[in-house]
Amino acid sequence: MNISDCARIYCSSKTWLEGEAVEQFKRVMTFEGVLRGAAYPDLHPGRGIPVGAAFLTENLIYPFLIGSDIGCGMTLFGSDLPLRKWKADRVIRSLGDEPETLIRKLACEQPAETVSDPSHLLGTLGHGNHFAEILALDRVEDGTALRQLNPDDRRLFLLVHSGSRHYGERIWTAFAAEHADSGVPADSEAGKNYLAEHDRLVRWAYCNRQLIAGAFGRLLSCGFREIANTVHNCITPAGGDRWLHRKGASEAEPGRPLVIAGTRGSCSYLVLPDGDPEDYLHSLAHGSGRKWTRQSTRARMRDKYEAAALLKTRIGSKVVCPDKNLLYEEAPDAYKNVEHVIADLQSAGLIRVVARLKPLLNCKP
């Protein structure tokens, strides 16, 4: 869907898009300094800005477009734990009623010198749509590429989705108090200060995902190695005085794998970007994309299910989530069909699917 020569939404006519999300996308395209915009099939409305989009600006940066969860991303790890040794119920018992507490304890047993301050929330996933998930290979589309990324496909995978926690909110709030949703020159004092904090939090969020993987390694008595890491809330330089803003849109570079996440009740996809990344602003969908708000999802799911019924999904995966509100809000029904998202990206020539990964256990705080 071409809104203009410089704005495109990469989805087919079969993909449902909420009108408000499209209007938010169009509004951002009118901001001073915005040169181009791209949105993906997971596009949905955010707090005044669309989620699932990327914008290229000149001279000005817009922290407003990134919001409070600076550095949020996903890291996929391969393990040395064979599928035959996987015991979901044993892991669930180990996690107990406060999984976040155990994960943090196990994460913080690792060497502290590998992570810079702030450290108060290291080893924590955070709320909302953040999670840690154990997965198994479900289907191989490109065996050669998969073997290069992960030589033994009989082993389990771990996907960690988390961001900068309260630190990102603090940086954004301080900036917004003075500048609200205005853009600032990247080379101004305000712009330089923001970008320095931004870059620090991107590194912090990445280190936190690594520590969480280490915690699961201790819990499962196995090792993990990184396969793919992408950030989907960030501002990055794009050459000259140009800046690329991503909100719920994963970094996408040729040859660099990324995960497009499904829900706790659907598969995720390991993919490689294809085509010319300049066309789609070096960014791709990061997941399914919400179709219902949290409030409406909570109401719908409570009318339909007891909380205990949501601890196992239709495809047999299990869920650890002590927060009942979050259990309802993150129900698979609240999200678009990830198969449609993948099909749209393939039809547009933007991705090559390497493998499909099936969730076995989804853990939320």
Protein backbone atom coordinates (compact mmCIF):
# COMPACT_ATOMS: atom_id res chain seq x y z
CA MET A 1 0.00 0.00 0.00
CA ASN A 2 1.62 3.25 -1.16
CA ILE A 3 0.35 6.29 0.74
CA SER A 4 2.79 8.50 -1.16
CA ASP A 5 6.09 8.12 -2.98
CA CYS A 6 7.92 8.28 0.35
CA ALA A 7 5.53 6.27 2.54
CA ARG A 8 4.62 2.61 2.16
CA ILE A 9 2.77 0.00 4.20
CA TYR A 10 4.00 -3.50 3.41
CA CYS A 11 0.86 -5.57 3.74
CA SER A 12 -1.64 -7.17 1.42
CA SER A 13 -5.30 -6.30 1.08
CA LYS A 14 -6.06 -9.47 3.08
CA THR A 15 -4.29 -8.13 6.16
CA TRP A 16 -6.48 -6.27 8.62
CA LEU A 17 -5.16 -2.86 9.63
CA GLU A 18 -6.84 -0.66 12.19
CA GLY A 19 -7.70 2.72 10.70
CA GLU A 20 -6.21 4.54 13.67
CA ALA A 21 -2.83 2.94 13.04
CA VAL A 22 -2.83 4.13 9.43
CA GLU A 23 -3.84 7.64 10.51
CA GLN A 24 -1.05 7.72 13.09
CA PHE A 25 1.41 6.65 10.40
CA LYS A 26 0.19 9.38 8.06
CA ARG A 27 0.46 11.98 10.84
CA VAL A 28 4.08 11.15 11.57
CA MET A 29 4.86 11.56 7.88
CA THR A 30 3.88 15.24 8.23
CA PHE A 31 6.48 15.91 10.96
CA GLU A 32 9.26 18.32 10.13
CA GLY A 33 12.32 16.56 8.77
CA VAL A 34 10.62 13.21 8.07
CA LEU A 35 11.80 11.99 4.67
CA ARG A 36 10.41 8.49 4.40
CA GLY A 37 8.27 6.03 6.30
CA ALA A 38 7.67 2.30 6.14
CA ALA A 39 5.14 0.19 8.02
CA TYR A 40 4.83 -3.56 8.22
CA PRO A 41 1.98 -6.09 8.49
CA ASP A 42 2.05 -6.00 12.30
CA LEU A 43 1.20 -2.27 12.30
CA HIS A 44 -1.15 -1.27 15.13
CA PRO A 45 -1.98 1.90 17.07
CA GLY A 46 0.26 3.08 19.89
CA ARG A 47 0.09 6.03 22.25
CA GLY A 48 -0.15 8.66 19.55
CA ILE A 49 2.31 6.88 17.26
CA PRO A 50 2.05 3.66 15.27
CA VAL A 51 3.80 0.48 16.40
CA GLY A 52 5.35 -1.59 13.63
CA ALA A 53 6.87 1.25 11.62
CA ALA A 54 10.18 2.95 10.78
CA PHE A 55 10.83 6.57 9.83
CA LEU A 56 13.83 8.25 8.23
CA THR A 57 14.49 11.85 9.27
CA GLU A 58 17.02 14.50 8.38
CA ASN A 59 18.74 16.69 11.01
CA LEU A 60 16.04 16.13 13.64
CA ILE A 61 15.56 13.19 15.97
CA TYR A 62 12.20 12.36 17.58
CA PRO A 63 12.56 10.44 20.87
CA PHE A 64 8.76 10.57 21.00
CA LEU A 65 8.69 8.02 18.18
CA ILE A 66 10.67 5.51 20.26
CA GLY A 67 8.92 6.04 23.56
CA SER A 68 10.00 4.76 26.94
CA ASP A 69 11.20 1.23 26.18
CA ILE A 70 14.46 2.27 24.55
CA GLY A 71 16.51 -0.67 23.32
CA CYS A 72 13.70 -3.22 23.48
CA GLY A 73 14.59 -6.19 21.34
CA MET A 74 14.72 -9.94 20.96
CA THR A 75 17.64 -12.34 21.17
CA LEU A 76 17.43 -15.94 20.00
CA PHE A 77 19.79 -18.49 21.52
CA GLY A 78 20.54 -22.06 20.55
CA SER A 79 21.19 -24.52 23.37
CA ASP A 80 23.04 -27.76 23.92
CA LEU A 81 19.94 -29.28 25.54
CA PRO A 82 18.37 -32.08 23.44
CA LEU A 83 14.62 -32.00 22.98
CA ARG A 84 14.35 -35.52 24.44
CA LYS A 85 15.61 -34.21 27.79
CA TRP A 86 13.04 -31.42 27.99
CA LYS A 87 10.68 -31.71 30.97
CA ALA A 88 8.27 -28.77 30.98
CA ASP A 89 6.57 -29.61 34.27
CA ARG A 90 9.87 -29.87 36.09
CA VAL A 91 10.90 -26.41 34.86
CA ILE A 92 7.51 -24.97 35.81
CA ARG A 93 7.90 -26.33 39.34
CA SER A 94 11.38 -24.83 39.56
CA LEU A 95 10.16 -21.41 38.47
CA GLY A 96 7.47 -21.47 41.16
CA ASP A 97 5.06 -18.64 41.91
CA GLU A 98 7.64 -15.87 41.43
CA PRO A 99 9.60 -16.71 38.26
CA GLU A 100 11.01 -13.18 37.94
CA THR A 101 12.63 -13.47 41.38
CA LEU A 102 14.31 -16.77 40.51
CA ILE A 103 15.47 -15.55 37.08
CA ARG A 104 16.96 -12.42 38.64
CA LYS A 105 18.71 -14.45 41.35
CA LEU A 106 20.22 -16.83 38.80
CA ALA A 107 21.18 -13.97 36.46
CA CYS A 108 22.93 -12.01 39.18
CA GLU A 109 25.08 -15.00 40.16
CA GLN A 110 27.02 -14.35 36.96
CA PRO A 111 30.09 -12.06 36.74
CA ALA A 112 28.99 -8.46 37.33
CA GLU A 113 31.93 -6.93 35.47
CA THR A 114 30.38 -7.90 32.15
CA VAL A 115 27.52 -5.46 32.63
CA SER A 116 27.66 -1.71 33.15
CA ASP A 117 25.41 0.24 35.51
CA PRO A 118 22.55 0.73 36.14
CA SER A 119 22.17 -2.70 37.68
CA HIS A 120 19.08 -2.51 39.90
CA LEU A 121 16.83 -4.32 37.42
CA LEU A 122 19.32 -6.63 35.74
CA GLY A 123 17.94 -10.11 35.24
CA THR A 124 14.33 -8.98 34.98
CA LEU A 125 12.07 -9.41 31.95
CA GLY A 126 9.61 -6.61 32.61
CA HIS A 127 5.87 -6.63 32.04
CA GLY A 128 3.67 -6.10 29.02
CA ASN A 129 4.55 -8.29 26.05
CA HIS A 130 8.03 -9.20 27.31
CA PHE A 131 8.84 -12.87 27.78
CA ALA A 132 11.37 -15.68 27.80
CA GLU A 133 10.34 -18.69 25.75
CA ILE A 134 11.71 -22.17 25.17
CA LEU A 135 11.13 -23.37 21.61
CA ALA A 136 11.78 -26.39 19.42
CA LEU A 137 12.29 -26.62 15.68
CA ASP A 138 8.93 -27.14 13.97
CA ARG A 139 9.76 -26.88 10.27
CA VAL A 140 12.88 -26.20 8.20
CA GLU A 141 12.60 -24.03 5.08
CA ASP A 142 16.31 -23.46 4.36
CA GLY A 143 18.42 -26.27 5.77
CA THR A 144 21.74 -24.84 4.60
CA ALA A 145 21.12 -21.48 6.26
CA LEU A 146 19.87 -23.14 9.44
CA ARG A 147 22.95 -25.35 9.76
CA GLN A 148 25.15 -22.30 9.39
CA LEU A 149 23.27 -20.54 12.19
CA ASN A 150 22.60 -23.55 14.42
CA PRO A 151 24.42 -26.77 13.50
CA ASP A 152 22.23 -29.13 15.60
CA ASP A 153 18.50 -28.65 15.07
CA ARG A 154 17.61 -31.34 17.63
CA ARG A 155 18.44 -28.95 20.46
CA LEU A 156 16.13 -26.46 22.13
CA PHE A 157 16.07 -22.72 21.56
CA LEU A 158 15.49 -19.77 23.88
CA LEU A 159 13.93 -16.48 22.79
CA VAL A 160 14.22 -13.51 25.16
CA HIS A 161 12.17 -10.34 24.56
CA SER A 162 12.93 -7.46 26.90
CA GLY A 163 13.96 -3.81 26.95
CA SER A 164 15.43 -1.13 29.18
CA ARG A 165 12.85 -1.50 31.94
CA HIS A 166 12.23 1.62 34.07
CA TYR A 167 15.50 3.22 32.97
CA GLY A 168 14.17 3.92 29.49
CA GLU A 169 11.03 5.43 30.95
CA ARG A 170 13.11 7.70 33.15
CA ILE A 171 15.20 8.96 30.20
CA TRP A 172 12.14 9.53 28.03
CA THR A 173 10.21 11.28 30.82
CA ALA A 174 13.10 13.67 31.47
CA PHE A 175 13.36 14.50 27.78
CA ALA A 176 9.61 14.89 27.33
CA ALA A 177 9.35 17.25 30.30
CA GLU A 178 11.31 19.82 28.33
CA HIS A 179 10.62 18.94 24.69
CA ALA A 180 7.32 16.99 24.72
CA ASP A 181 6.87 15.32 21.33
CA SER A 182 8.98 17.83 19.41
CA GLY A 183 12.01 16.88 17.42
CA VAL A 184 15.42 18.27 18.30
CA PRO A 185 18.55 18.67 16.17
CA ALA A 186 20.72 15.59 16.59
CA ASP A 187 23.81 17.78 17.05
CA SER A 188 22.22 20.01 19.72
CA GLU A 189 23.07 19.57 23.39
CA ALA A 190 19.65 17.99 24.02
CA GLY A 191 20.06 15.68 21.02
CA LYS A 192 23.56 14.58 21.98
CA ASN A 193 22.57 13.95 25.58
CA TYR A 194 19.56 11.90 24.56
CA LEU A 195 21.51 9.83 22.04
CA ALA A 196 24.26 9.10 24.57
CA GLU A 197 21.69 7.83 27.09
CA HIS A 198 19.83 6.00 24.32
CA ASP A 199 22.96 4.13 23.22
CA ARG A 200 23.79 3.20 26.80
CA LEU A 201 20.31 1.76 27.34
CA VAL A 202 20.44 -0.22 24.09
CA ARG A 203 23.62 -1.86 25.41
CA TRP A 204 22.03 -2.35 28.85
CA ALA A 205 18.97 -4.07 27.37
CA TYR A 206 21.17 -6.37 25.29
CA CYS A 207 23.29 -7.31 28.31
CA ASN A 208 20.12 -7.94 30.29
CA ARG A 209 18.85 -10.40 27.66
CA GLN A 210 22.22 -12.16 27.81
CA LEU A 211 21.99 -12.43 31.59
CA ILE A 212 18.46 -13.80 31.40
CA ALA A 213 19.72 -16.46 28.97
CA GLY A 214 22.46 -17.27 31.45
CA ALA A 215 19.83 -17.64 34.18
CA PHE A 216 17.89 -20.13 32.08
CA GLY A 217 21.12 -21.96 31.35
CA ARG A 218 21.64 -22.40 35.08
CA LEU A 219 18.03 -23.42 35.56
CA LEU A 220 18.18 -26.05 32.78
CA SER A 221 21.83 -27.05 33.35
CA CYS A 222 22.71 -26.26 29.75
CA GLY A 223 24.57 -23.71 27.69
CA PHE A 224 23.19 -21.14 25.25
CA ARG A 225 24.84 -19.32 22.36
CA GLU A 226 23.45 -16.35 20.50
CA ILE A 227 21.98 -16.93 17.04
CA ALA A 228 20.20 -13.64 16.34
CA ASN A 229 19.79 -10.31 18.10
CA THR A 230 17.72 -7.36 16.90
CA VAL A 231 16.51 -4.13 18.49
CA HIS A 232 13.07 -2.85 17.55
CA ASN A 233 12.84 0.39 19.60
CA CYS A 234 15.77 2.61 18.66
CA ILE A 235 17.23 5.54 16.76
CA THR A 236 20.27 4.79 14.60
CA PRO A 237 22.41 6.93 12.28
CA ALA A 238 21.64 6.44 8.60
CA GLY A 239 24.48 8.39 7.02
CA GLY A 240 25.12 12.09 6.92
CA ASP A 241 22.55 13.96 9.00
CA ARG A 242 19.92 11.27 8.59
CA TRP A 243 18.44 9.16 11.38
CA LEU A 244 16.37 5.99 11.31
CA HIS A 245 13.65 5.67 13.97
CA ARG A 246 12.19 2.24 14.72
CA LYS A 247 9.09 1.66 16.82
CA GLY A 248 8.22 -2.01 17.02
CA ALA A 249 10.24 -2.64 13.86
CA SER A 250 13.28 -4.92 13.89
CA GLU A 251 16.65 -3.98 12.47
CA ALA A 252 17.08 -5.79 9.15
CA GLU A 253 20.38 -6.17 7.31
CA PRO A 254 21.32 -8.64 4.54
CA GLY A 255 22.80 -11.84 5.93
CA ARG A 256 21.81 -11.02 9.50
CA PRO A 257 19.09 -13.35 10.87
CA LEU A 258 16.17 -12.12 12.92
CA VAL A 259 13.13 -13.57 14.63
CA ILE A 260 9.56 -12.53 13.86
CA ALA A 261 7.74 -13.63 16.98
CA GLY A 262 4.35 -15.24 17.08
CA THR A 263 2.31 -15.51 20.28
CA ARG A 264 2.67 -17.97 23.15
CA GLY A 265 0.16 -20.06 21.21
CA SER A 266 1.68 -19.83 17.72
CA CYS A 267 5.02 -20.37 16.06
CA SER A 268 7.80 -17.83 15.59
CA TYR A 269 9.92 -17.52 12.46
CA LEU A 270 13.66 -17.33 11.98
CA VAL A 271 14.18 -15.34 8.77
CA LEU A 272 16.81 -13.61 6.67
CA PRO A 273 16.10 -10.19 5.10
CA ASP A 274 15.84 -10.24 1.33
CA GLY A 275 15.65 -7.71 -1.45
CA ASP A 276 16.99 -4.17 -1.14
CA PRO A 277 16.85 -3.05 2.52
CA GLU A 278 16.89 0.59 1.41
CA ASP A 279 13.38 0.03 0.08
CA TYR A 280 12.01 -1.07 3.46
CA LEU A 281 14.24 1.17 5.59
CA HIS A 282 16.45 -1.64 6.88
CA SER A 283 13.55 -2.72 9.11
CA LEU A 284 10.96 -5.49 9.30
CA ALA A 285 8.03 -6.65 11.42
CA HIS A 286 9.06 -7.82 14.87
CA GLY A 287 5.99 -9.93 15.63
CA SER A 288 2.31 -10.55 15.04
CA GLY A 289 1.05 -7.13 16.15
CA ARG A 290 -1.88 -6.56 18.47
CA LYS A 291 -5.42 -6.48 17.16
CA TRP A 292 -7.12 -5.80 20.53
CA THR A 293 -6.17 -3.39 23.29
CA ARG A 294 -5.13 -4.76 26.65
CA GLN A 295 -8.33 -3.58 28.31
CA SER A 296 -10.63 -5.09 25.71
CA THR A 297 -8.62 -8.33 25.64
CA ARG A 298 -8.85 -8.66 29.40
CA ALA A 299 -12.63 -8.25 29.29
CA ARG A 300 -13.11 -10.65 26.38
CA MET A 301 -10.86 -13.36 27.82
CA ARG A 302 -12.34 -13.19 31.32
CA ASP A 303 -15.79 -13.70 29.85
CA LYS A 304 -14.56 -16.70 27.90
CA TYR A 305 -11.95 -18.46 30.07
CA GLU A 306 -10.91 -19.22 33.61
CA ALA A 307 -7.32 -18.13 34.19
CA ALA A 308 -6.14 -21.72 34.64
CA ALA A 309 -7.38 -22.58 31.15
CA LEU A 310 -4.87 -20.11 29.65
CA LEU A 311 -1.85 -21.87 31.14
CA LYS A 312 -1.87 -24.26 28.21
CA THR A 313 -2.36 -23.14 24.61
CA ARG A 314 -4.20 -24.75 21.73
CA ILE A 315 -0.92 -26.01 20.27
CA GLY A 316 0.13 -27.61 23.55
CA SER A 317 2.66 -25.06 24.78
CA LYS A 318 2.60 -24.18 28.47
CA VAL A 319 2.63 -20.80 30.19
CA VAL A 320 4.10 -19.47 33.42
CA CYS A 321 2.51 -16.13 34.34
CA PRO A 322 1.56 -15.38 37.97
CA ASP A 323 -0.05 -12.05 37.01
CA LYS A 324 -3.65 -12.95 36.04
CA ASN A 325 -4.30 -9.62 34.34
CA LEU A 326 -1.22 -10.11 32.18
CA LEU A 327 -2.22 -13.70 31.48
CA TYR A 328 -5.49 -12.44 29.99
CA GLU A 329 -4.01 -9.38 28.26
CA GLU A 330 -1.36 -11.41 26.43
CA ALA A 331 -3.71 -14.16 25.27
CA PRO A 332 -2.94 -15.33 21.73
CA ASP A 333 -6.38 -14.16 20.58
CA ALA A 334 -5.27 -10.54 21.16
CA TYR A 335 -2.77 -10.75 18.30
CA LYS A 336 -2.91 -10.96 14.53
CA ASN A 337 -2.14 -14.20 12.74
CA VAL A 338 1.65 -14.42 12.41
CA GLU A 339 1.25 -16.65 9.34
CA HIS A 340 -0.40 -13.73 7.54
CA VAL A 341 2.39 -11.39 8.59
CA ILE A 342 5.01 -13.79 7.22
CA ALA A 343 3.05 -14.34 3.99
CA ASP A 344 2.82 -10.59 3.37
CA LEU A 345 6.54 -10.09 3.90
CA GLN A 346 7.33 -13.00 1.59
CA SER A 347 4.96 -11.69 -1.08
CA ALA A 348 6.69 -8.32 -0.94
CA GLY A 349 10.07 -10.04 -1.36
CA LEU A 350 11.38 -8.78 1.98
CA ILE A 351 12.28 -12.04 3.74
CA ARG A 352 13.48 -15.59 3.25
CA VAL A 353 12.20 -17.99 5.90
CA VAL A 354 14.88 -20.21 7.44
CA ALA A 355 12.80 -22.13 9.98
CA ARG A 356 9.63 -22.14 12.02
CA LEU A 357 9.98 -22.52 15.79
CA LYS A 358 7.25 -23.89 18.04
CA PRO A 359 6.91 -22.63 21.64
CA LEU A 360 7.12 -25.20 24.42
CA LEU A 361 7.09 -22.93 27.47
CA ASN A 362 6.40 -19.20 27.67
CA CYS A 363 7.49 -17.41 30.83
CA LYS A 364 6.19 -13.99 31.88
CA PRO A 365 6.71 -12.24 35.22
